Protein backbone atom coordinates (compact mmCIF):
# COMPACT_ATOMS: atom_id res chain seq x y z
CA MET A 1 -12.43 -7.94 -10.19
CA ASP A 2 -9.97 -9.76 -12.44
CA PHE A 3 -7.86 -12.78 -11.56
CA LEU A 4 -4.62 -10.83 -10.99
CA THR A 5 -6.31 -8.31 -8.67
CA ILE A 6 -7.88 -11.08 -6.60
CA THR A 7 -4.55 -12.94 -6.46
CA GLN A 8 -2.81 -9.78 -5.25
CA LEU A 9 -5.43 -9.22 -2.51
CA LEU A 10 -5.16 -12.84 -1.40
CA PHE A 11 -1.37 -12.54 -1.30
CA GLN A 12 -1.78 -9.60 1.10
CA GLY A 13 -4.01 -11.75 3.30
CA PHE A 14 -1.55 -14.64 3.09
CA GLY A 15 1.19 -12.28 4.30
CA ILE A 16 -0.71 -11.93 7.59
CA THR A 17 -1.25 -15.70 7.65
CA PHE A 18 2.50 -16.21 7.24
CA LEU A 19 3.31 -13.72 10.01
CA LEU A 20 0.97 -15.53 12.41
CA PHE A 21 2.58 -18.85 11.47
CA LEU A 22 6.15 -17.52 11.82
CA PHE A 23 5.68 -15.69 15.13
CA THR A 24 3.83 -18.68 16.61
CA LEU A 25 6.61 -21.08 15.59
CA VAL A 26 9.44 -18.86 16.84
CA LEU A 27 7.78 -18.27 20.23
CA ALA A 28 6.04 -21.62 20.83
CA ILE A 29 9.08 -23.89 20.32
CA PRO A 30 11.24 -22.43 23.14
CA LEU A 31 8.18 -22.07 25.39
CA GLY A 32 7.24 -25.68 24.66
CA LEU A 33 10.76 -26.82 25.54
CA ALA A 34 10.57 -24.93 28.85
CA LEU A 35 7.18 -26.48 29.62
CA SER A 36 8.54 -29.95 28.85
CA PHE A 37 11.33 -29.53 31.42
CA LEU A 38 8.83 -28.22 34.00
CA SER A 39 6.50 -31.17 33.34
CA MET A 40 9.40 -33.57 34.04
CA SER A 41 10.46 -31.79 37.22
CA LYS A 42 11.12 -33.87 40.32
CA PHE A 43 9.19 -31.31 42.37
CA LYS A 44 5.46 -32.09 42.37
CA VAL A 45 4.63 -28.49 43.27
CA VAL A 46 5.98 -27.56 39.81
CA LYS A 47 5.21 -30.72 37.84
CA VAL A 48 1.53 -31.16 38.74
CA PRO A 49 0.29 -27.59 37.94
CA VAL A 50 2.19 -27.62 34.63
CA LYS A 51 0.73 -30.98 33.63
CA ILE A 52 -2.79 -29.78 34.54
CA PHE A 53 -2.25 -26.58 32.53
CA ILE A 54 -1.06 -28.56 29.47
CA TRP A 55 -4.03 -30.93 29.82
CA ILE A 56 -6.51 -28.03 29.93
CA ILE A 57 -5.01 -26.19 26.95
CA ARG A 58 -4.82 -29.36 24.84
CA GLY A 59 -8.41 -30.20 25.73
CA ILE A 60 -9.85 -26.84 24.68
CA PRO A 61 -10.58 -26.22 20.96
CA LEU A 62 -8.24 -23.57 19.60
CA MET A 63 -11.08 -21.39 18.32
CA LEU A 64 -12.66 -21.37 21.79
CA PHE A 65 -9.29 -20.49 23.32
CA ILE A 66 -8.96 -17.56 20.91
CA PHE A 67 -12.31 -16.26 22.16
CA VAL A 68 -11.19 -16.74 25.77
CA ILE A 69 -8.00 -14.71 25.25
CA TYR A 70 -9.77 -12.01 23.24
CA TYR A 71 -12.81 -11.54 25.48
CA LEU A 72 -11.22 -12.30 28.87
CA PRO A 73 -10.27 -8.64 29.61
CA SER A 74 -13.90 -7.60 29.09
CA LEU A 75 -15.19 -10.47 31.24
CA LEU A 76 -12.84 -9.52 34.05
CA ALA A 77 -14.19 -5.97 33.81
CA ASP A 78 -17.79 -7.13 34.31
CA GLY A 79 -18.52 -7.36 30.60
CA ASN A 80 -17.32 -3.84 29.82
CA ALA A 81 -16.23 -3.99 26.17
CA ALA A 82 -14.33 -0.71 26.54
CA ALA A 83 -11.98 -2.46 28.98
CA ASN A 84 -10.78 -4.87 26.29
CA ILE A 85 -7.11 -4.03 25.92
CA PHE A 86 -6.96 -5.54 22.43
CA ASN A 87 -9.76 -3.27 21.17
CA THR A 88 -7.98 -0.32 22.79
CA ILE A 89 -4.76 -1.16 20.91
CA ASP A 90 -6.69 -1.29 17.62
CA LEU A 91 -8.46 1.99 18.30
CA ARG A 92 -5.27 3.86 19.25
CA ALA A 93 -3.43 2.45 16.24
CA THR A 94 -6.27 3.55 13.96
CA ILE A 95 -6.30 7.08 15.38
CA SER A 96 -2.50 7.34 15.12
CA ALA A 97 -2.58 6.18 11.49
CA GLY A 98 -5.43 8.57 10.68
CA LYS A 99 -7.50 5.80 9.06
CA ASN A 100 -11.26 5.34 8.88
CA GLU A 101 -11.19 1.54 9.08
CA LEU A 102 -10.36 -0.08 12.44
CA LEU A 103 -6.93 -1.68 12.41
CA TRP A 104 -6.29 -5.23 13.62
CA TYR A 105 -3.00 -5.12 15.58
CA GLY A 106 -4.64 -5.75 18.96
CA ARG A 107 -6.72 -8.62 17.64
CA PHE A 108 -3.62 -10.09 15.99
CA LEU A 109 -1.87 -9.96 19.37
CA ALA A 110 -4.80 -11.80 20.99
CA VAL A 111 -4.70 -14.52 18.35
CA LEU A 112 -0.92 -14.80 18.59
CA ILE A 113 -1.09 -15.28 22.37
CA ALA A 114 -3.70 -18.01 21.95
CA PHE A 115 -1.69 -19.76 19.22
CA VAL A 116 1.62 -19.60 21.10
CA ILE A 117 0.17 -21.01 24.33
CA ASN A 118 -1.78 -23.71 22.48
CA TYR A 119 1.10 -24.90 20.33
CA ALA A 120 3.65 -24.60 23.13
CA CYS A 121 1.62 -27.17 25.05
CA TYR A 122 1.55 -29.55 22.07
CA PHE A 123 5.26 -29.05 21.41
CA SER A 124 6.04 -29.66 25.08
CA GLU A 125 4.55 -33.14 24.91
CA ILE A 126 6.57 -33.91 21.78
CA PHE A 127 9.76 -32.68 23.47
CA ARG A 128 8.96 -34.61 26.66
CA GLY A 129 8.41 -37.84 24.71
CA GLY A 130 11.67 -37.37 22.84
CA ILE A 131 13.72 -36.65 25.96
CA GLU A 132 12.23 -39.52 27.92
CA SER A 133 12.89 -41.94 25.04
CA ILE A 134 16.65 -41.64 25.58
CA SER A 135 17.91 -44.55 27.65
CA GLN A 136 19.33 -43.89 31.12
CA GLY A 137 22.47 -45.77 30.10
CA GLN A 138 23.52 -42.87 27.87
CA TYR A 139 23.37 -40.46 30.82
CA GLU A 140 25.41 -42.89 32.91
CA ALA A 141 28.00 -43.21 30.13
CA GLY A 142 28.31 -39.43 30.08
CA TYR A 143 28.84 -39.31 33.84
CA VAL A 144 31.57 -41.96 33.53
CA LEU A 145 33.33 -39.73 31.00
CA GLY A 146 33.28 -36.90 33.52
CA MET A 147 30.63 -34.81 31.74
CA THR A 148 28.19 -32.59 33.57
CA LYS A 149 24.43 -33.03 33.22
CA GLY A 150 24.29 -29.99 30.91
CA GLN A 151 27.11 -31.32 28.71
CA ILE A 152 25.42 -34.71 28.46
CA PHE A 153 22.18 -33.11 27.34
CA LYS A 154 23.89 -30.82 24.84
CA HIS A 155 26.36 -33.24 23.27
CA ILE A 156 24.65 -36.63 23.64
CA VAL A 157 20.92 -36.33 24.26
CA LEU A 158 19.85 -33.24 22.30
CA LYS A 159 20.89 -34.47 18.84
CA GLN A 160 19.09 -37.78 19.34
CA VAL A 161 15.99 -36.03 20.65
CA ILE A 162 15.85 -33.70 17.64
CA LYS A 163 16.17 -36.64 15.27
CA ARG A 164 13.34 -38.51 16.97
CA ILE A 165 10.90 -35.61 17.24
CA VAL A 166 11.30 -34.12 13.75
CA PRO A 167 8.46 -36.25 12.18
CA SER A 168 6.00 -35.39 14.99
CA LEU A 169 7.11 -31.77 15.04
CA SER A 170 6.67 -31.59 11.25
CA ASN A 171 3.06 -32.74 11.56
CA GLU A 172 2.32 -30.06 14.14
CA ILE A 173 3.99 -27.37 12.03
CA ILE A 174 1.86 -28.31 9.01
CA THR A 175 -1.24 -28.34 11.20
CA LEU A 176 -0.29 -24.85 12.39
CA VAL A 177 -0.38 -23.60 8.79
CA LYS A 178 -3.99 -24.70 8.42
CA ASP A 179 -5.02 -23.58 11.90
CA THR A 180 -4.06 -19.98 11.06
CA ALA A 181 -7.42 -19.81 9.25
CA LEU A 182 -9.07 -19.71 12.68
CA ALA A 183 -7.79 -16.13 13.06
CA ASN A 184 -10.66 -14.94 10.88
CA ALA A 185 -12.99 -15.77 13.80
CA ILE A 186 -12.20 -12.34 15.27
CA ALA A 187 -11.84 -10.60 11.89
CA ILE A 188 -8.08 -10.78 11.39
CA PRO A 189 -7.63 -9.98 7.66
CA GLU A 190 -5.79 -13.21 6.85
CA ILE A 191 -6.33 -14.98 3.54
CA ILE A 192 -9.62 -16.73 4.39
CA HIS A 193 -11.09 -13.50 5.75
CA CYS A 194 -10.08 -11.67 2.56
CA ALA A 195 -11.80 -14.33 0.44
CA LYS A 196 -14.95 -14.15 2.58
CA GLN A 197 -15.06 -10.37 2.15
CA MET A 198 -14.91 -10.82 -1.62
CA ALA A 199 -17.77 -13.31 -1.39
CA SER A 200 -19.94 -10.83 0.51
CA SER A 201 -19.00 -7.60 -1.29
CA GLN A 202 -18.36 -8.85 -4.84
CA ALA A 203 -20.54 -12.00 -4.85
CA LEU A 204 -17.47 -14.03 -5.83
CA ILE A 205 -17.30 -17.45 -4.21
CA TRP A 206 -14.38 -18.93 -6.21
CA PRO A 207 -11.65 -16.90 -4.37
CA LEU A 208 -12.59 -18.85 -1.23
CA PHE A 209 -11.66 -22.10 -2.98
CA TYR A 210 -8.66 -20.43 -4.60
CA THR A 211 -7.14 -19.91 -1.14
CA GLY A 212 -6.54 -23.67 -1.04
CA ALA A 213 -3.82 -23.24 -3.68
CA PHE A 214 -1.92 -20.90 -1.34
CA TYR A 215 -2.12 -23.37 1.54
CA LEU A 216 -1.13 -26.30 -0.66
CA ALA A 217 1.88 -24.43 -2.07
CA PHE A 218 3.06 -23.37 1.39
CA VAL A 219 2.55 -26.82 2.90
CA GLY A 220 4.37 -28.34 -0.08
CA ILE A 221 7.39 -26.08 0.49
CA LEU A 222 7.37 -26.87 4.22
CA THR A 223 7.09 -30.60 3.53
CA LEU A 224 10.15 -30.51 1.27
CA ALA A 225 12.12 -28.37 3.75
CA LEU A 226 11.23 -30.53 6.74
CA GLY A 227 11.94 -33.70 4.76
CA SER A 228 15.38 -32.32 3.94
CA VAL A 229 16.00 -31.58 7.61
CA GLU A 230 14.99 -35.13 8.54
CA LYS A 231 17.44 -36.56 6.00
CA LYS A 232 20.27 -34.40 7.28
CA LEU A 233 19.57 -35.62 10.81
CA SER A 234 19.89 -39.27 9.83
CA TYR A 235 23.18 -39.63 11.69
CA PHE A 236 21.59 -41.94 14.28
CA LYS A 237 20.27 -45.13 12.76
CA ALA A 238 18.97 -48.18 14.53
């Protein structure tokens, strides 16, 4: 296999990597914001279970959590592999497409669920820290001006929170890019998995190292984009 062919195959794998990154980001940020509000609730019946849930998810390695999500349906069905809904999705998709090789849509869904829940919990702590860092005096000033709680959050608090959490959020987003490699644990054909297949079928080890260039390029683009966002949000200075 020549360099251009290998690059093209790795680009196809990176497309799946990018989809996992994008879907996780789009779904985990609003879910994380919702979890942050629940974790700050005045009602202990809501606050305590949410905090315990976040603690558990943050304490479990992401790869282990992927296995939990993927194999949980089978475990609940007394170890019956046929009861795994993700395998069923893959099998039905393969039959519908008339292909010989098992497709990966169900497994991708399992990984996506694990990623979204995991990163939502991390994002929730970032959001919570940002919201709680705003002084109570700003809320009181809003009330004096006749603003509702929602208006105070939207027009006064939110912009300051976003400015304060962008650096921490940026770090998590870049970590997410690298964590997508864990999807190959259940044979999702992302870029690392593609390189490993070349190593086993073509006895080519260098494509595995070549994948680093894809990650570096993507992280570099994200770093520039997030840095630009941080500069544009520099309207609040100490």
